[in-house]
Amino acid sequence: MVKIYVIYNYGQYNHLIHRTLRDLGIETKLIPNTTPIEDIKDADGVVLGGGPSLDRTGNCEMYVKELEIPILGICLGHQLIAKVFGGEVGRGKMGGYAGVRVEVVEYDEIFEGIPRAFKVWASHMDEVKRIPDEFKILARSEICDVEAMRHRDRLIYGVQWHPEVYHTEYGIEFYRNFVKICKV
């Protein structure tokens, strides 16, 4: 059975990420972002949940640098991944949560079975402004050029939106695809 830990970064949807994975039949735990890395090395994958600010992400930077398993960053987790690898995070053009139409610009297995354009629920208070050199952009929107990204060599993904919420189309399929990636 696949085991995926959800790293709690104090965001309002972290519990919903955990529940979504649990409802998919995945062995999962919601764990504090201060958990020692040794305690999560048995995971097949990690989801870095959202939260209020980059300065409250605990050990997440170490997880991204040292874990050799698939990693998915959601909202703040996405921004943290960009920062760790030398990208740039800044204020978005549009703050607060809203529906956004996302366009997949480069196909990847994480979008298997998902259309090229769909609606998501996202906050753009902060967003990735420039991706790190080792990454490629997978999706964009009219208000944000980096809605989704992936490391070119490692199974590290980041998305600005929240796949786990009802307002996001194809969110369950997105998480199913991440689970498949963790099985590799």
N, C-alpha and C. Protein backbone atom coordinates (compact mmCIF):
# COMPACT_ATOMS: atom_id res chain seq x y z
N MET A 1 0.84 -1.19 0.00
CA MET A 1 0.00 0.00 0.00
C MET A 1 0.88 1.25 0.00
N VAL A 2 0.47 2.24 -0.75
CA VAL A 2 1.20 3.50 -0.82
C VAL A 2 0.98 4.31 0.46
N LYS A 3 2.06 4.91 0.95
CA LYS A 3 1.99 5.73 2.16
C LYS A 3 2.41 7.15 1.79
N ILE A 4 1.49 8.11 1.99
CA ILE A 4 1.77 9.52 1.68
C ILE A 4 1.49 10.36 2.92
N TYR A 5 2.50 11.13 3.34
CA TYR A 5 2.32 12.03 4.47
C TYR A 5 1.97 13.42 3.97
N VAL A 6 1.05 14.05 4.68
CA VAL A 6 0.67 15.44 4.41
C VAL A 6 1.33 16.29 5.48
N ILE A 7 2.15 17.23 5.04
CA ILE A 7 2.86 18.10 5.98
C ILE A 7 1.97 19.30 6.31
N TYR A 8 1.67 19.44 7.57
CA TYR A 8 0.78 20.50 8.05
C TYR A 8 1.55 21.81 8.18
N ASN A 9 1.19 22.77 7.32
CA ASN A 9 1.81 24.10 7.34
C ASN A 9 0.83 25.17 7.81
N TYR A 10 -0.14 24.78 8.61
CA TYR A 10 -1.10 25.68 9.25
C TYR A 10 -2.15 26.24 8.29
N GLY A 11 -2.28 25.65 7.12
CA GLY A 11 -3.27 26.12 6.15
C GLY A 11 -4.64 25.53 6.41
N GLN A 12 -5.65 26.24 5.97
CA GLN A 12 -7.03 25.84 6.23
C GLN A 12 -7.45 24.57 5.51
N TYR A 13 -6.75 24.18 4.44
CA TYR A 13 -7.15 23.01 3.67
C TYR A 13 -6.27 21.78 3.91
N ASN A 14 -5.32 21.86 4.81
CA ASN A 14 -4.42 20.72 5.05
C ASN A 14 -5.18 19.47 5.50
N HIS A 15 -6.19 19.64 6.34
CA HIS A 15 -6.99 18.50 6.79
C HIS A 15 -7.77 17.90 5.63
N LEU A 16 -8.20 18.73 4.70
CA LEU A 16 -8.94 18.25 3.53
C LEU A 16 -8.03 17.47 2.57
N ILE A 17 -6.78 17.88 2.46
CA ILE A 17 -5.82 17.11 1.66
C ILE A 17 -5.70 15.70 2.26
N HIS A 18 -5.51 15.64 3.58
CA HIS A 18 -5.40 14.38 4.29
C HIS A 18 -6.64 13.51 4.07
N ARG A 19 -7.80 14.11 4.20
CA ARG A 19 -9.05 13.37 4.02
C ARG A 19 -9.20 12.85 2.59
N THR A 20 -8.85 13.68 1.61
CA THR A 20 -8.94 13.28 0.21
C THR A 20 -8.09 12.04 -0.05
N LEU A 21 -6.87 12.04 0.44
CA LEU A 21 -5.99 10.89 0.26
C LEU A 21 -6.53 9.67 1.00
N ARG A 22 -7.01 9.87 2.20
CA ARG A 22 -7.59 8.77 2.98
C ARG A 22 -8.78 8.16 2.25
N ASP A 23 -9.65 9.03 1.68
CA ASP A 23 -10.82 8.56 0.95
C ASP A 23 -10.45 7.82 -0.33
N LEU A 24 -9.24 8.06 -0.84
CA LEU A 24 -8.74 7.32 -2.00
C LEU A 24 -8.13 5.96 -1.60
N GLY A 25 -8.18 5.66 -0.30
CA GLY A 25 -7.66 4.39 0.18
C GLY A 25 -6.17 4.38 0.43
N ILE A 26 -5.59 5.56 0.55
CA ILE A 26 -4.15 5.70 0.77
C ILE A 26 -3.85 5.69 2.27
N GLU A 27 -2.77 5.03 2.66
CA GLU A 27 -2.30 5.14 4.04
C GLU A 27 -1.68 6.53 4.17
N THR A 28 -2.23 7.34 5.02
CA THR A 28 -1.79 8.73 5.11
C THR A 28 -1.82 9.22 6.55
N LYS A 29 -0.97 10.18 6.83
CA LYS A 29 -0.95 10.85 8.13
C LYS A 29 -0.76 12.34 7.89
N LEU A 30 -1.41 13.15 8.69
CA LEU A 30 -1.19 14.59 8.71
C LEU A 30 -0.19 14.84 9.82
N ILE A 31 1.00 15.34 9.45
CA ILE A 31 2.06 15.47 10.44
C ILE A 31 2.56 16.92 10.53
N PRO A 32 3.02 17.33 11.69
CA PRO A 32 3.53 18.70 11.85
C PRO A 32 4.76 18.93 10.98
N ASN A 33 4.94 20.17 10.54
CA ASN A 33 6.11 20.49 9.71
C ASN A 33 7.41 20.53 10.51
N THR A 34 7.33 20.23 11.78
CA THR A 34 8.52 20.15 12.64
C THR A 34 8.96 18.70 12.85
N THR A 35 8.27 17.76 12.22
CA THR A 35 8.60 16.34 12.34
C THR A 35 10.03 16.09 11.85
N PRO A 36 10.85 15.37 12.62
CA PRO A 36 12.21 15.07 12.16
C PRO A 36 12.15 14.27 10.85
N ILE A 37 13.07 14.55 9.96
CA ILE A 37 13.09 13.90 8.65
C ILE A 37 13.19 12.38 8.77
N GLU A 38 13.87 11.90 9.80
CA GLU A 38 14.01 10.45 10.00
C GLU A 38 12.65 9.78 10.18
N ASP A 39 11.68 10.52 10.72
CA ASP A 39 10.35 9.96 10.99
C ASP A 39 9.46 9.90 9.76
N ILE A 40 9.91 10.44 8.64
CA ILE A 40 9.06 10.40 7.44
C ILE A 40 9.75 9.70 6.26
N LYS A 41 10.92 9.15 6.51
CA LYS A 41 11.65 8.48 5.42
C LYS A 41 10.98 7.19 4.95
N ASP A 42 9.98 6.71 5.69
CA ASP A 42 9.27 5.50 5.27
C ASP A 42 8.12 5.82 4.31
N ALA A 43 7.89 7.09 4.02
CA ALA A 43 6.79 7.50 3.13
C ALA A 43 7.16 7.23 1.67
N ASP A 44 6.13 6.98 0.86
CA ASP A 44 6.30 6.83 -0.59
C ASP A 44 6.15 8.16 -1.30
N GLY A 45 5.60 9.15 -0.59
CA GLY A 45 5.40 10.48 -1.14
C GLY A 45 5.02 11.45 -0.04
N VAL A 46 5.17 12.74 -0.34
CA VAL A 46 4.86 13.79 0.63
C VAL A 46 4.09 14.89 -0.08
N VAL A 47 3.07 15.41 0.60
CA VAL A 47 2.36 16.59 0.13
C VAL A 47 2.66 17.72 1.11
N LEU A 48 3.23 18.81 0.60
CA LEU A 48 3.48 19.99 1.43
C LEU A 48 2.23 20.85 1.36
N GLY A 49 1.49 20.92 2.45
CA GLY A 49 0.24 21.67 2.47
C GLY A 49 0.46 23.17 2.43
N GLY A 50 -0.64 23.87 2.27
CA GLY A 50 -0.61 25.33 2.25
C GLY A 50 -0.48 25.89 3.65
N GLY A 51 -0.37 27.21 3.72
CA GLY A 51 -0.24 27.87 5.00
C GLY A 51 -0.08 29.36 4.84
N PRO A 52 0.09 30.06 5.96
CA PRO A 52 0.10 31.52 5.92
C PRO A 52 1.38 32.17 5.41
N SER A 53 2.56 31.55 5.68
CA SER A 53 3.79 32.25 5.28
C SER A 53 4.97 31.30 5.20
N LEU A 54 5.94 31.66 4.36
CA LEU A 54 7.13 30.84 4.17
C LEU A 54 7.97 30.72 5.44
N ASP A 55 7.87 31.69 6.34
CA ASP A 55 8.69 31.62 7.55
C ASP A 55 8.10 30.69 8.61
N ARG A 56 6.97 30.03 8.30
CA ARG A 56 6.36 29.09 9.25
C ARG A 56 6.31 27.67 8.67
N THR A 57 7.26 27.33 7.79
CA THR A 57 7.22 26.02 7.14
C THR A 57 8.13 24.99 7.80
N GLY A 58 8.63 25.28 8.98
CA GLY A 58 9.37 24.29 9.77
C GLY A 58 10.50 23.62 9.00
N ASN A 59 10.44 22.29 8.93
CA ASN A 59 11.49 21.50 8.28
C ASN A 59 11.23 21.25 6.80
N CYS A 60 10.24 21.89 6.22
CA CYS A 60 9.88 21.61 4.83
C CYS A 60 11.04 21.80 3.85
N GLU A 61 11.86 22.80 4.08
CA GLU A 61 13.00 23.02 3.19
C GLU A 61 13.93 21.80 3.20
N MET A 62 14.15 21.25 4.38
CA MET A 62 14.99 20.05 4.50
C MET A 62 14.32 18.86 3.79
N TYR A 63 13.01 18.71 3.93
CA TYR A 63 12.30 17.61 3.27
C TYR A 63 12.52 17.68 1.75
N VAL A 64 12.37 18.89 1.20
CA VAL A 64 12.51 19.08 -0.25
C VAL A 64 13.94 18.76 -0.70
N LYS A 65 14.90 19.20 0.06
CA LYS A 65 16.30 19.00 -0.32
C LYS A 65 16.76 17.55 -0.15
N GLU A 66 16.28 16.86 0.88
CA GLU A 66 16.87 15.57 1.25
C GLU A 66 16.05 14.34 0.92
N LEU A 67 14.73 14.45 0.83
CA LEU A 67 13.92 13.27 0.55
C LEU A 67 14.01 12.90 -0.93
N GLU A 68 14.17 11.64 -1.21
CA GLU A 68 14.27 11.14 -2.59
C GLU A 68 12.98 10.43 -2.99
N ILE A 69 11.85 11.04 -2.67
CA ILE A 69 10.53 10.49 -2.98
C ILE A 69 9.73 11.58 -3.68
N PRO A 70 8.61 11.21 -4.33
CA PRO A 70 7.78 12.24 -4.96
C PRO A 70 7.26 13.25 -3.93
N ILE A 71 7.28 14.51 -4.33
CA ILE A 71 6.81 15.60 -3.47
C ILE A 71 5.84 16.45 -4.28
N LEU A 72 4.71 16.79 -3.65
CA LEU A 72 3.73 17.69 -4.25
C LEU A 72 3.53 18.87 -3.32
N GLY A 73 3.80 20.07 -3.80
CA GLY A 73 3.58 21.28 -3.02
C GLY A 73 2.28 21.94 -3.45
N ILE A 74 1.43 22.24 -2.48
CA ILE A 74 0.15 22.90 -2.73
C ILE A 74 0.25 24.34 -2.21
N CYS A 75 -0.03 25.31 -3.06
CA CYS A 75 -0.06 26.74 -2.71
C CYS A 75 1.27 27.15 -2.03
N LEU A 76 1.27 27.32 -0.72
CA LEU A 76 2.51 27.69 -0.02
C LEU A 76 3.60 26.63 -0.24
N GLY A 77 3.22 25.35 -0.29
CA GLY A 77 4.18 24.29 -0.56
C GLY A 77 4.83 24.44 -1.93
N HIS A 78 4.04 24.85 -2.90
CA HIS A 78 4.52 25.15 -4.27
C HIS A 78 5.54 26.29 -4.22
N GLN A 79 5.21 27.33 -3.50
CA GLN A 79 6.10 28.50 -3.38
C GLN A 79 7.39 28.13 -2.66
N LEU A 80 7.28 27.31 -1.63
CA LEU A 80 8.46 26.89 -0.88
C LEU A 80 9.41 26.10 -1.79
N ILE A 81 8.87 25.20 -2.59
CA ILE A 81 9.70 24.42 -3.52
C ILE A 81 10.47 25.36 -4.45
N ALA A 82 9.76 26.34 -5.00
CA ALA A 82 10.43 27.31 -5.89
C ALA A 82 11.55 28.03 -5.16
N LYS A 83 11.29 28.48 -3.95
CA LYS A 83 12.29 29.21 -3.16
C LYS A 83 13.51 28.34 -2.87
N VAL A 84 13.28 27.09 -2.48
CA VAL A 84 14.39 26.17 -2.13
C VAL A 84 15.35 26.00 -3.31
N PHE A 85 14.81 25.95 -4.52
CA PHE A 85 15.64 25.71 -5.69
C PHE A 85 16.10 27.01 -6.38
N GLY A 86 15.86 28.16 -5.75
CA GLY A 86 16.37 29.41 -6.29
C GLY A 86 15.40 30.21 -7.13
N GLY A 87 14.12 29.85 -7.11
CA GLY A 87 13.10 30.62 -7.82
C GLY A 87 12.72 31.86 -7.03
N GLU A 88 11.76 32.59 -7.55
CA GLU A 88 11.33 33.84 -6.91
C GLU A 88 9.84 33.78 -6.60
N VAL A 89 9.49 34.18 -5.38
CA VAL A 89 8.11 34.25 -4.92
C VAL A 89 7.79 35.70 -4.60
N GLY A 90 6.60 36.15 -4.98
CA GLY A 90 6.20 37.52 -4.70
C GLY A 90 4.69 37.67 -4.69
N ARG A 91 4.25 38.88 -4.49
CA ARG A 91 2.82 39.19 -4.47
C ARG A 91 2.19 38.95 -5.83
N GLY A 92 1.00 38.39 -5.79
CA GLY A 92 0.25 38.17 -7.02
C GLY A 92 -0.55 39.40 -7.42
N LYS A 93 -1.05 39.39 -8.64
CA LYS A 93 -1.88 40.49 -9.14
C LYS A 93 -3.25 40.49 -8.47
N MET A 94 -3.68 39.31 -8.00
CA MET A 94 -5.01 39.18 -7.44
C MET A 94 -4.90 38.41 -6.13
N GLY A 95 -5.29 39.00 -5.03
CA GLY A 95 -5.22 38.33 -3.73
C GLY A 95 -6.52 37.62 -3.41
N GLY A 96 -6.50 36.85 -2.33
CA GLY A 96 -7.70 36.15 -1.88
C GLY A 96 -8.05 34.97 -2.75
N TYR A 97 -8.97 34.16 -2.26
CA TYR A 97 -9.39 32.96 -2.99
C TYR A 97 -10.42 33.31 -4.05
N ALA A 98 -10.28 32.66 -5.20
CA ALA A 98 -11.21 32.86 -6.31
C ALA A 98 -11.07 31.70 -7.29
N GLY A 99 -12.08 31.57 -8.12
CA GLY A 99 -12.01 30.59 -9.19
C GLY A 99 -11.12 31.11 -10.31
N VAL A 100 -10.28 30.22 -10.85
CA VAL A 100 -9.33 30.59 -11.90
C VAL A 100 -9.36 29.49 -12.95
N ARG A 101 -9.31 29.88 -14.21
CA ARG A 101 -9.23 28.90 -15.29
C ARG A 101 -7.75 28.65 -15.61
N VAL A 102 -7.32 27.41 -15.45
CA VAL A 102 -5.93 27.01 -15.65
C VAL A 102 -5.81 26.30 -16.99
N GLU A 103 -4.69 26.57 -17.67
CA GLU A 103 -4.41 25.92 -18.95
C GLU A 103 -3.12 25.12 -18.81
N VAL A 104 -3.20 23.84 -19.14
CA VAL A 104 -2.01 22.98 -19.13
C VAL A 104 -1.21 23.32 -20.38
N VAL A 105 0.05 23.74 -20.20
CA VAL A 105 0.89 24.15 -21.33
C VAL A 105 1.92 23.08 -21.70
N GLU A 106 2.17 22.14 -20.78
CA GLU A 106 3.05 21.01 -21.08
C GLU A 106 2.49 19.79 -20.38
N TYR A 107 2.19 18.77 -21.18
CA TYR A 107 1.60 17.56 -20.61
C TYR A 107 2.60 16.86 -19.70
N ASP A 108 2.08 16.30 -18.61
CA ASP A 108 2.87 15.52 -17.68
C ASP A 108 1.93 14.48 -17.08
N GLU A 109 2.49 13.39 -16.58
CA GLU A 109 1.67 12.31 -16.04
C GLU A 109 0.76 12.76 -14.90
N ILE A 110 1.09 13.84 -14.24
CA ILE A 110 0.22 14.32 -13.15
C ILE A 110 -1.11 14.87 -13.70
N PHE A 111 -1.16 15.15 -15.01
CA PHE A 111 -2.39 15.63 -15.64
C PHE A 111 -3.07 14.56 -16.48
N GLU A 112 -2.70 13.30 -16.31
CA GLU A 112 -3.30 12.22 -17.09
C GLU A 112 -4.82 12.19 -16.88
N GLY A 113 -5.57 12.16 -17.99
CA GLY A 113 -7.02 12.11 -17.92
C GLY A 113 -7.70 13.43 -17.56
N ILE A 114 -6.94 14.49 -17.50
CA ILE A 114 -7.47 15.82 -17.15
C ILE A 114 -7.40 16.69 -18.40
N PRO A 115 -8.45 17.45 -18.70
CA PRO A 115 -8.42 18.29 -19.91
C PRO A 115 -7.33 19.35 -19.87
N ARG A 116 -7.06 19.93 -21.02
CA ARG A 116 -6.02 20.98 -21.14
C ARG A 116 -6.40 22.26 -20.40
N ALA A 117 -7.69 22.48 -20.18
CA ALA A 117 -8.14 23.68 -19.45
C ALA A 117 -9.24 23.25 -18.47
N PHE A 118 -9.18 23.79 -17.26
CA PHE A 118 -10.18 23.47 -16.24
C PHE A 118 -10.16 24.57 -15.18
N LYS A 119 -11.19 24.57 -14.33
CA LYS A 119 -11.31 25.60 -13.29
C LYS A 119 -10.77 25.08 -11.97
N VAL A 120 -10.09 25.98 -11.26
CA VAL A 120 -9.52 25.64 -9.96
C VAL A 120 -9.87 26.72 -8.94
N TRP A 121 -9.64 26.40 -7.69
CA TRP A 121 -9.83 27.33 -6.58
C TRP A 121 -8.44 27.66 -6.05
N ALA A 122 -8.09 28.95 -6.09
CA ALA A 122 -6.72 29.32 -5.73
C ALA A 122 -6.67 30.69 -5.07
N SER A 123 -5.63 30.88 -4.30
CA SER A 123 -5.28 32.19 -3.78
C SER A 123 -4.02 32.65 -4.50
N HIS A 124 -4.00 33.89 -4.91
CA HIS A 124 -2.81 34.44 -5.55
C HIS A 124 -2.27 35.64 -4.77
N MET A 125 -2.47 35.58 -3.44
CA MET A 125 -1.89 36.62 -2.59
C MET A 125 -0.38 36.63 -2.81
N ASP A 126 0.21 35.44 -2.78
CA ASP A 126 1.62 35.23 -3.14
C ASP A 126 1.65 34.14 -4.20
N GLU A 127 2.68 34.18 -5.05
CA GLU A 127 2.78 33.18 -6.12
C GLU A 127 4.22 33.09 -6.59
N VAL A 128 4.51 32.05 -7.34
CA VAL A 128 5.85 31.89 -7.93
C VAL A 128 5.95 32.86 -9.10
N LYS A 129 6.92 33.74 -9.03
CA LYS A 129 7.13 34.75 -10.08
C LYS A 129 8.15 34.27 -11.12
N ARG A 130 9.13 33.49 -10.66
CA ARG A 130 10.15 32.95 -11.56
C ARG A 130 10.48 31.55 -11.10
N ILE A 131 10.42 30.58 -12.03
CA ILE A 131 10.72 29.21 -11.64
C ILE A 131 12.24 29.00 -11.57
N PRO A 132 12.65 28.04 -10.77
CA PRO A 132 14.08 27.69 -10.73
C PRO A 132 14.52 27.09 -12.06
N ASP A 133 15.80 27.15 -12.35
CA ASP A 133 16.35 26.63 -13.60
C ASP A 133 16.03 25.15 -13.82
N GLU A 134 15.98 24.36 -12.74
CA GLU A 134 15.76 22.92 -12.85
C GLU A 134 14.31 22.55 -13.11
N PHE A 135 13.43 23.53 -13.21
CA PHE A 135 11.99 23.28 -13.33
C PHE A 135 11.45 23.69 -14.69
N LYS A 136 10.27 23.15 -14.99
CA LYS A 136 9.54 23.56 -16.19
C LYS A 136 8.11 23.88 -15.79
N ILE A 137 7.52 24.83 -16.51
CA ILE A 137 6.14 25.23 -16.25
C ILE A 137 5.21 24.21 -16.90
N LEU A 138 4.23 23.73 -16.13
CA LEU A 138 3.26 22.78 -16.64
C LEU A 138 1.91 23.43 -16.92
N ALA A 139 1.56 24.47 -16.16
CA ALA A 139 0.26 25.12 -16.34
C ALA A 139 0.36 26.60 -15.99
N ARG A 140 -0.53 27.38 -16.61
CA ARG A 140 -0.57 28.83 -16.39
C ARG A 140 -2.03 29.27 -16.39
N SER A 141 -2.24 30.55 -16.05
CA SER A 141 -3.56 31.16 -16.15
C SER A 141 -3.40 32.59 -16.62
N GLU A 142 -4.49 33.28 -16.81
CA GLU A 142 -4.42 34.68 -17.24
C GLU A 142 -3.79 35.58 -16.18
N ILE A 143 -3.86 35.15 -14.91
CA ILE A 143 -3.33 36.00 -13.85
C ILE A 143 -2.01 35.52 -13.27
N CYS A 144 -1.58 34.30 -13.64
CA CYS A 144 -0.35 33.75 -13.07
C CYS A 144 0.33 32.85 -14.10
N ASP A 145 1.60 33.13 -14.38
CA ASP A 145 2.35 32.35 -15.36
C ASP A 145 2.81 30.99 -14.85
N VAL A 146 2.83 30.81 -13.52
CA VAL A 146 3.33 29.56 -12.95
C VAL A 146 2.26 28.95 -12.04
N GLU A 147 1.21 28.44 -12.64
CA GLU A 147 0.15 27.77 -11.86
C GLU A 147 0.59 26.36 -11.46
N ALA A 148 1.44 25.74 -12.28
CA ALA A 148 1.98 24.41 -11.94
C ALA A 148 3.37 24.28 -12.54
N MET A 149 4.24 23.55 -11.82
CA MET A 149 5.61 23.34 -12.28
C MET A 149 6.06 21.96 -11.86
N ARG A 150 7.14 21.51 -12.50
CA ARG A 150 7.74 20.22 -12.16
C ARG A 150 9.26 20.31 -12.31
N HIS A 151 9.96 19.65 -11.40
CA HIS A 151 11.41 19.52 -11.52
C HIS A 151 11.70 18.67 -12.76
N ARG A 152 12.71 19.03 -13.51
CA ARG A 152 13.02 18.34 -14.77
C ARG A 152 13.50 16.90 -14.55
N ASP A 153 14.17 16.62 -13.44
CA ASP A 153 14.76 15.30 -13.21
C ASP A 153 14.13 14.53 -12.06
N ARG A 154 13.61 15.23 -11.08
CA ARG A 154 13.04 14.58 -9.90
C ARG A 154 11.52 14.68 -9.93
N LEU A 155 10.86 13.84 -9.16
CA LEU A 155 9.40 13.84 -9.10
C LEU A 155 8.94 14.85 -8.05
N ILE A 156 9.21 16.11 -8.33
CA ILE A 156 8.81 17.22 -7.45
C ILE A 156 7.90 18.13 -8.24
N TYR A 157 6.68 18.29 -7.73
CA TYR A 157 5.65 19.10 -8.39
C TYR A 157 5.18 20.21 -7.46
N GLY A 158 4.70 21.29 -8.05
CA GLY A 158 4.07 22.34 -7.28
C GLY A 158 2.88 22.89 -8.05
N VAL A 159 1.80 23.16 -7.33
CA VAL A 159 0.62 23.80 -7.93
C VAL A 159 0.17 24.95 -7.04
N GLN A 160 -0.25 26.03 -7.67
CA GLN A 160 -0.72 27.20 -6.94
C GLN A 160 -2.11 26.98 -6.35
N TRP A 161 -2.89 26.12 -6.97
CA TRP A 161 -4.29 25.93 -6.57
C TRP A 161 -4.44 24.79 -5.57
N HIS A 162 -5.71 24.57 -5.16
CA HIS A 162 -6.05 23.54 -4.18
C HIS A 162 -6.88 22.45 -4.84
N PRO A 163 -6.25 21.33 -5.24
CA PRO A 163 -6.98 20.25 -5.89
C PRO A 163 -8.00 19.58 -4.96
N GLU A 164 -7.81 19.71 -3.66
CA GLU A 164 -8.64 18.99 -2.69
C GLU A 164 -10.00 19.62 -2.43
N VAL A 165 -10.25 20.82 -2.93
CA VAL A 165 -11.52 21.50 -2.62
C VAL A 165 -12.56 21.24 -3.69
N TYR A 166 -13.80 21.32 -3.29
CA TYR A 166 -14.94 21.05 -4.17
C TYR A 166 -14.93 21.93 -5.42
N HIS A 167 -14.50 23.19 -5.28
CA HIS A 167 -14.54 24.15 -6.38
C HIS A 167 -13.54 23.85 -7.50
N THR A 168 -12.56 22.99 -7.24
CA THR A 168 -11.55 22.65 -8.25
C THR A 168 -12.02 21.44 -9.05
N GLU A 169 -12.07 21.62 -10.37
CA GLU A 169 -12.43 20.51 -11.23
C GLU A 169 -11.26 19.53 -11.32
N TYR A 170 -11.56 18.26 -11.40
CA TYR A 170 -10.57 17.19 -11.60
C TYR A 170 -9.56 17.07 -10.45
N GLY A 171 -9.92 17.57 -9.28
CA GLY A 171 -9.01 17.48 -8.13
C GLY A 171 -8.75 16.06 -7.68
N ILE A 172 -9.79 15.23 -7.66
CA ILE A 172 -9.61 13.83 -7.26
C ILE A 172 -8.71 13.12 -8.26
N GLU A 173 -8.93 13.37 -9.56
CA GLU A 173 -8.08 12.76 -10.59
C GLU A 173 -6.62 13.20 -10.43
N PHE A 174 -6.44 14.47 -10.08
CA PHE A 174 -5.09 15.00 -9.87
C PHE A 174 -4.39 14.24 -8.74
N TYR A 175 -5.10 14.06 -7.61
CA TYR A 175 -4.50 13.32 -6.50
C TYR A 175 -4.29 11.86 -6.85
N ARG A 176 -5.20 11.25 -7.60
CA ARG A 176 -5.01 9.86 -8.05
C ARG A 176 -3.72 9.75 -8.87
N ASN A 177 -3.50 10.74 -9.74
CA ASN A 177 -2.28 10.73 -10.56
C ASN A 177 -1.04 10.85 -9.69
N PHE A 178 -1.09 11.68 -8.64
CA PHE A 178 0.06 11.79 -7.75
C PHE A 178 0.30 10.46 -7.04
N VAL A 179 -0.76 9.80 -6.64
CA VAL A 179 -0.63 8.48 -5.98
C VAL A 179 0.07 7.50 -6.93
N LYS A 180 -0.33 7.50 -8.21
CA LYS A 180 0.31 6.61 -9.20
C LYS A 180 1.80 6.92 -9.31
N ILE A 181 2.14 8.21 -9.28
CA ILE A 181 3.54 8.61 -9.36
C ILE A 181 4.31 8.08 -8.14
N CYS A 182 3.66 8.08 -6.99
CA CYS A 182 4.30 7.59 -5.76
C CYS A 182 4.50 6.08 -5.77
N LYS A 183 3.75 5.36 -6.59
CA LYS A 183 3.87 3.90 -6.67
C LYS A 183 5.07 3.47 -7.50
N VAL A 184 5.62 4.37 -8.29
CA VAL A 184 6.72 4.01 -9.20
C VAL A 184 7.94 3.56 -8.44
